[in-house]
Amino acid sequence: MSEQIVPSVVFDAPGPANTDRTLQVARERAAALGVRTILVATTEGDVALRALEALSGFDLIFVTHAAGFSGANTQQLDAARRKALEDAGARVLTCMHALGGVGRAVRKKFATYELAEIVAHTLRLFGQGMKVCVEIALMAADAGLVTVGEPCVAVAGTGKGADTAVLLVPANVSDFFDLRIAEVLAKPR
């Protein structure tokens, strides 16, 4: 990886207005470093469809909410959009959130927090998108979609859109503390 100092893009506010610039920054830095894999968080597919164009030529992995996230028997990324992403050559990962899962059930049932959710809240100190970038890298590593120890770029956001991009080295959830955030490419203030 390059030893040069690369300034981060810092947005005045979080949100979808930053999506195009975030995707541009992710593309430019990945290209400069020869990184081929870009992970993108997507809920309903809006960011993913924009990323298909903005990040063409890269190995794109879109990570969605788990089924049931917004209610039993629901998937927020509809089947037609998922098919369009896959037909364009992207991979789509839908699985349990690395920093949620059973711990979230414990919180909902017993009104107490488990370790994974404490980690999630700690990462949110750097912004919601930072937590999601780390989480989707863990999820993709556990699914075998990224190579553990090989740098990739992760893109996520705060609510809708994308406003955070990081260069990171993924790890499996069981080796969480081996994950490395190498560079913060973009984030909201």
Protein backbone atom coordinates (compact mmCIF):
# COMPACT_ATOMS: atom_id res chain seq x y z
CA MET A 1 0.00 0.00 0.00
CA SER A 2 1.10 3.56 -0.65
CA GLU A 3 2.99 5.45 2.04
CA GLN A 4 1.78 8.85 0.88
CA ILE A 5 -0.51 10.89 3.05
CA VAL A 6 -3.97 10.99 1.56
CA PRO A 7 -6.39 13.49 3.08
CA SER A 8 -9.83 12.30 4.10
CA VAL A 9 -12.92 13.93 2.69
CA VAL A 10 -14.95 15.23 5.61
CA PHE A 11 -18.56 16.15 4.93
CA ASP A 12 -20.27 18.90 6.92
CA ALA A 13 -23.30 16.69 7.53
CA PRO A 14 -24.18 13.01 7.09
CA GLY A 15 -26.60 11.74 4.51
CA PRO A 16 -27.42 10.84 0.94
CA ALA A 17 -26.22 14.16 -0.53
CA ASN A 18 -22.70 12.76 -0.08
CA THR A 19 -23.25 9.54 -2.02
CA ASP A 20 -21.73 10.51 -5.37
CA ARG A 21 -18.62 12.07 -3.80
CA THR A 22 -18.17 9.09 -1.46
CA LEU A 23 -18.32 6.66 -4.39
CA GLN A 24 -15.87 8.83 -6.34
CA VAL A 25 -13.39 8.90 -3.45
CA ALA A 26 -13.71 5.12 -3.01
CA ARG A 27 -13.09 4.56 -6.71
CA GLU A 28 -10.08 6.88 -6.90
CA ARG A 29 -8.32 5.45 -3.87
CA ALA A 30 -9.02 1.83 -4.76
CA ALA A 31 -7.66 2.46 -8.27
CA ALA A 32 -4.57 4.25 -6.94
CA LEU A 33 -3.75 1.34 -4.63
CA GLY A 34 -4.69 -1.45 -7.02
CA VAL A 35 -7.45 -2.63 -4.69
CA ARG A 36 -9.99 -4.63 -6.70
CA THR A 37 -12.75 -5.33 -4.16
CA ILE A 38 -15.25 -2.74 -2.96
CA LEU A 39 -17.95 -3.59 -0.43
CA VAL A 40 -21.06 -1.42 -0.45
CA ALA A 41 -23.83 -1.45 2.14
CA THR A 42 -27.29 -1.18 0.64
CA THR A 43 -30.75 -1.42 2.14
CA GLU A 44 -33.24 -1.02 -0.69
CA GLY A 45 -30.70 -0.99 -3.53
CA ASP A 46 -30.57 2.73 -4.35
CA VAL A 47 -26.89 3.11 -3.42
CA ALA A 48 -26.07 -0.21 -5.08
CA LEU A 49 -27.56 0.87 -8.40
CA ARG A 50 -25.56 4.11 -8.30
CA ALA A 51 -22.44 2.18 -7.31
CA LEU A 52 -22.79 -0.16 -10.30
CA GLU A 53 -22.09 2.77 -12.58
CA ALA A 54 -19.67 4.73 -10.39
CA LEU A 55 -17.57 1.69 -9.48
CA SER A 56 -17.69 -0.27 -12.72
CA GLY A 57 -14.64 -2.43 -13.29
CA PHE A 58 -14.26 -3.36 -9.62
CA ASP A 59 -15.30 -6.56 -7.87
CA LEU A 60 -18.47 -5.27 -6.22
CA ILE A 61 -20.06 -6.93 -3.22
CA PHE A 62 -23.31 -5.44 -1.97
CA VAL A 63 -24.26 -6.24 1.62
CA THR A 64 -27.93 -5.96 2.58
CA HIS A 65 -29.88 -6.03 5.80
CA ALA A 66 -30.71 -9.48 7.05
CA ALA A 67 -34.18 -10.77 6.29
CA GLY A 68 -36.45 -9.81 9.15
CA PHE A 69 -34.47 -6.65 10.00
CA SER A 70 -37.49 -4.38 9.50
CA GLY A 71 -40.08 -6.99 10.45
CA ALA A 72 -40.72 -10.71 10.31
CA ASN A 73 -40.63 -12.26 6.84
CA THR A 74 -39.43 -9.08 5.11
CA GLN A 75 -36.44 -8.30 2.93
CA GLN A 76 -35.81 -4.63 2.21
CA LEU A 77 -33.91 -5.31 -1.03
CA ASP A 78 -36.60 -6.56 -3.39
CA ALA A 79 -35.98 -9.53 -5.65
CA ALA A 80 -36.00 -7.50 -8.89
CA ARG A 81 -33.26 -5.15 -7.69
CA ARG A 82 -31.22 -8.04 -6.34
CA LYS A 83 -31.47 -9.77 -9.72
CA ALA A 84 -30.44 -6.58 -11.54
CA LEU A 85 -27.33 -6.31 -9.34
CA GLU A 86 -26.42 -9.95 -9.84
CA ASP A 87 -27.09 -9.75 -13.59
CA ALA A 88 -24.60 -6.85 -13.70
CA GLY A 89 -21.94 -9.15 -12.22
CA ALA A 90 -22.07 -8.01 -8.61
CA ARG A 91 -22.42 -10.35 -5.67
CA VAL A 92 -25.11 -9.69 -3.07
CA LEU A 93 -24.71 -10.85 0.52
CA THR A 94 -27.67 -11.14 2.86
CA CYS A 95 -26.93 -12.59 6.28
CA MET A 96 -27.09 -11.88 10.01
CA HIS A 97 -25.40 -8.66 11.04
CA ALA A 98 -22.00 -9.33 12.55
CA LEU A 99 -22.63 -6.89 15.40
CA GLY A 100 -26.28 -7.78 15.98
CA GLY A 101 -27.76 -11.23 16.02
CA VAL A 102 -28.60 -12.95 19.27
CA GLY A 103 -27.25 -10.00 21.24
CA ARG A 104 -29.99 -7.83 19.75
CA ALA A 105 -32.59 -10.40 20.84
CA VAL A 106 -31.19 -10.28 24.39
CA ARG A 107 -31.45 -6.48 24.40
CA LYS A 108 -35.03 -6.55 23.11
CA LYS A 109 -36.14 -9.26 25.55
CA PHE A 110 -34.19 -8.34 28.70
CA ALA A 111 -33.38 -4.64 28.16
CA THR A 112 -29.64 -5.16 28.49
CA TYR A 113 -26.76 -4.94 26.05
CA GLU A 114 -24.49 -7.76 24.92
CA LEU A 115 -20.87 -7.33 23.88
CA ALA A 116 -21.42 -7.10 20.10
CA GLU A 117 -23.84 -4.21 20.49
CA ILE A 118 -21.40 -2.41 22.79
CA VAL A 119 -18.75 -2.79 20.07
CA ALA A 120 -21.27 -1.41 17.55
CA HIS A 121 -22.01 1.61 19.73
CA THR A 122 -18.29 2.23 20.19
CA LEU A 123 -17.71 2.20 16.43
CA ARG A 124 -20.60 4.66 16.03
CA LEU A 125 -18.45 7.19 17.91
CA PHE A 126 -16.75 7.58 14.51
CA GLY A 127 -20.11 7.69 12.73
CA GLN A 128 -22.84 5.24 11.77
CA GLY A 129 -21.16 4.59 8.44
CA MET A 130 -17.91 3.57 10.15
CA LYS A 131 -19.75 0.93 12.16
CA VAL A 132 -21.40 -0.38 9.02
CA CYS A 133 -18.12 -0.45 7.03
CA VAL A 134 -16.53 -2.62 9.71
CA GLU A 135 -19.61 -4.81 10.00
CA ILE A 136 -20.00 -5.51 6.29
CA ALA A 137 -16.31 -6.42 6.05
CA LEU A 138 -16.76 -8.94 8.86
CA MET A 139 -19.88 -10.35 7.22
CA ALA A 140 -18.21 -10.64 3.80
CA ALA A 141 -15.18 -12.34 5.35
CA ASP A 142 -17.37 -14.88 7.14
CA ALA A 143 -19.23 -15.56 3.88
CA GLY A 144 -15.93 -16.13 2.06
CA LEU A 145 -16.56 -13.24 -0.34
CA VAL A 146 -13.41 -11.28 0.58
CA THR A 147 -9.94 -12.53 1.31
CA VAL A 148 -9.02 -12.11 4.96
CA GLY A 149 -5.86 -10.06 5.25
CA GLU A 150 -6.21 -8.52 1.76
CA PRO A 151 -7.15 -4.81 1.61
CA CYS A 152 -10.52 -3.75 0.27
CA VAL A 153 -12.63 -0.61 0.35
CA ALA A 154 -15.90 -0.49 2.28
CA VAL A 155 -18.64 2.09 1.65
CA ALA A 156 -21.63 2.76 3.90
CA GLY A 157 -23.77 5.59 5.17
CA THR A 158 -25.88 7.18 7.83
CA GLY A 159 -29.46 6.14 7.21
CA LYS A 160 -29.91 6.53 3.46
CA GLY A 161 -27.13 7.06 0.95
CA ALA A 162 -23.38 6.71 1.38
CA ASP A 163 -21.21 9.12 3.35
CA THR A 164 -18.39 6.92 4.65
CA ALA A 165 -15.62 5.04 2.87
CA VAL A 166 -12.64 3.28 4.41
CA LEU A 167 -9.72 1.22 3.23
CA LEU A 168 -9.56 -1.76 5.52
CA VAL A 169 -8.13 -5.21 5.91
CA PRO A 170 -10.99 -7.62 6.68
CA ALA A 171 -11.06 -10.36 9.27
CA ASN A 172 -13.53 -13.03 10.28
CA VAL A 173 -15.86 -12.21 13.16
CA SER A 174 -14.06 -14.77 15.34
CA ASP A 175 -10.86 -12.76 14.74
CA PHE A 176 -12.50 -9.33 15.02
CA PHE A 177 -9.44 -7.69 16.55
CA ASP A 178 -7.36 -8.59 13.48
CA LEU A 179 -9.46 -6.27 11.28
CA ARG A 180 -7.52 -3.11 10.44
CA ILE A 181 -8.84 0.24 9.29
CA ALA A 182 -5.95 1.47 7.15
CA GLU A 183 -7.40 4.74 5.89
CA VAL A 184 -10.54 6.79 6.42
CA LEU A 185 -11.33 7.98 2.91
CA ALA A 186 -14.57 9.87 3.65
CA LYS A 187 -16.86 10.45 6.61
CA PRO A 188 -19.26 13.04 7.94
CA ARG A 189 -18.09 15.52 10.57
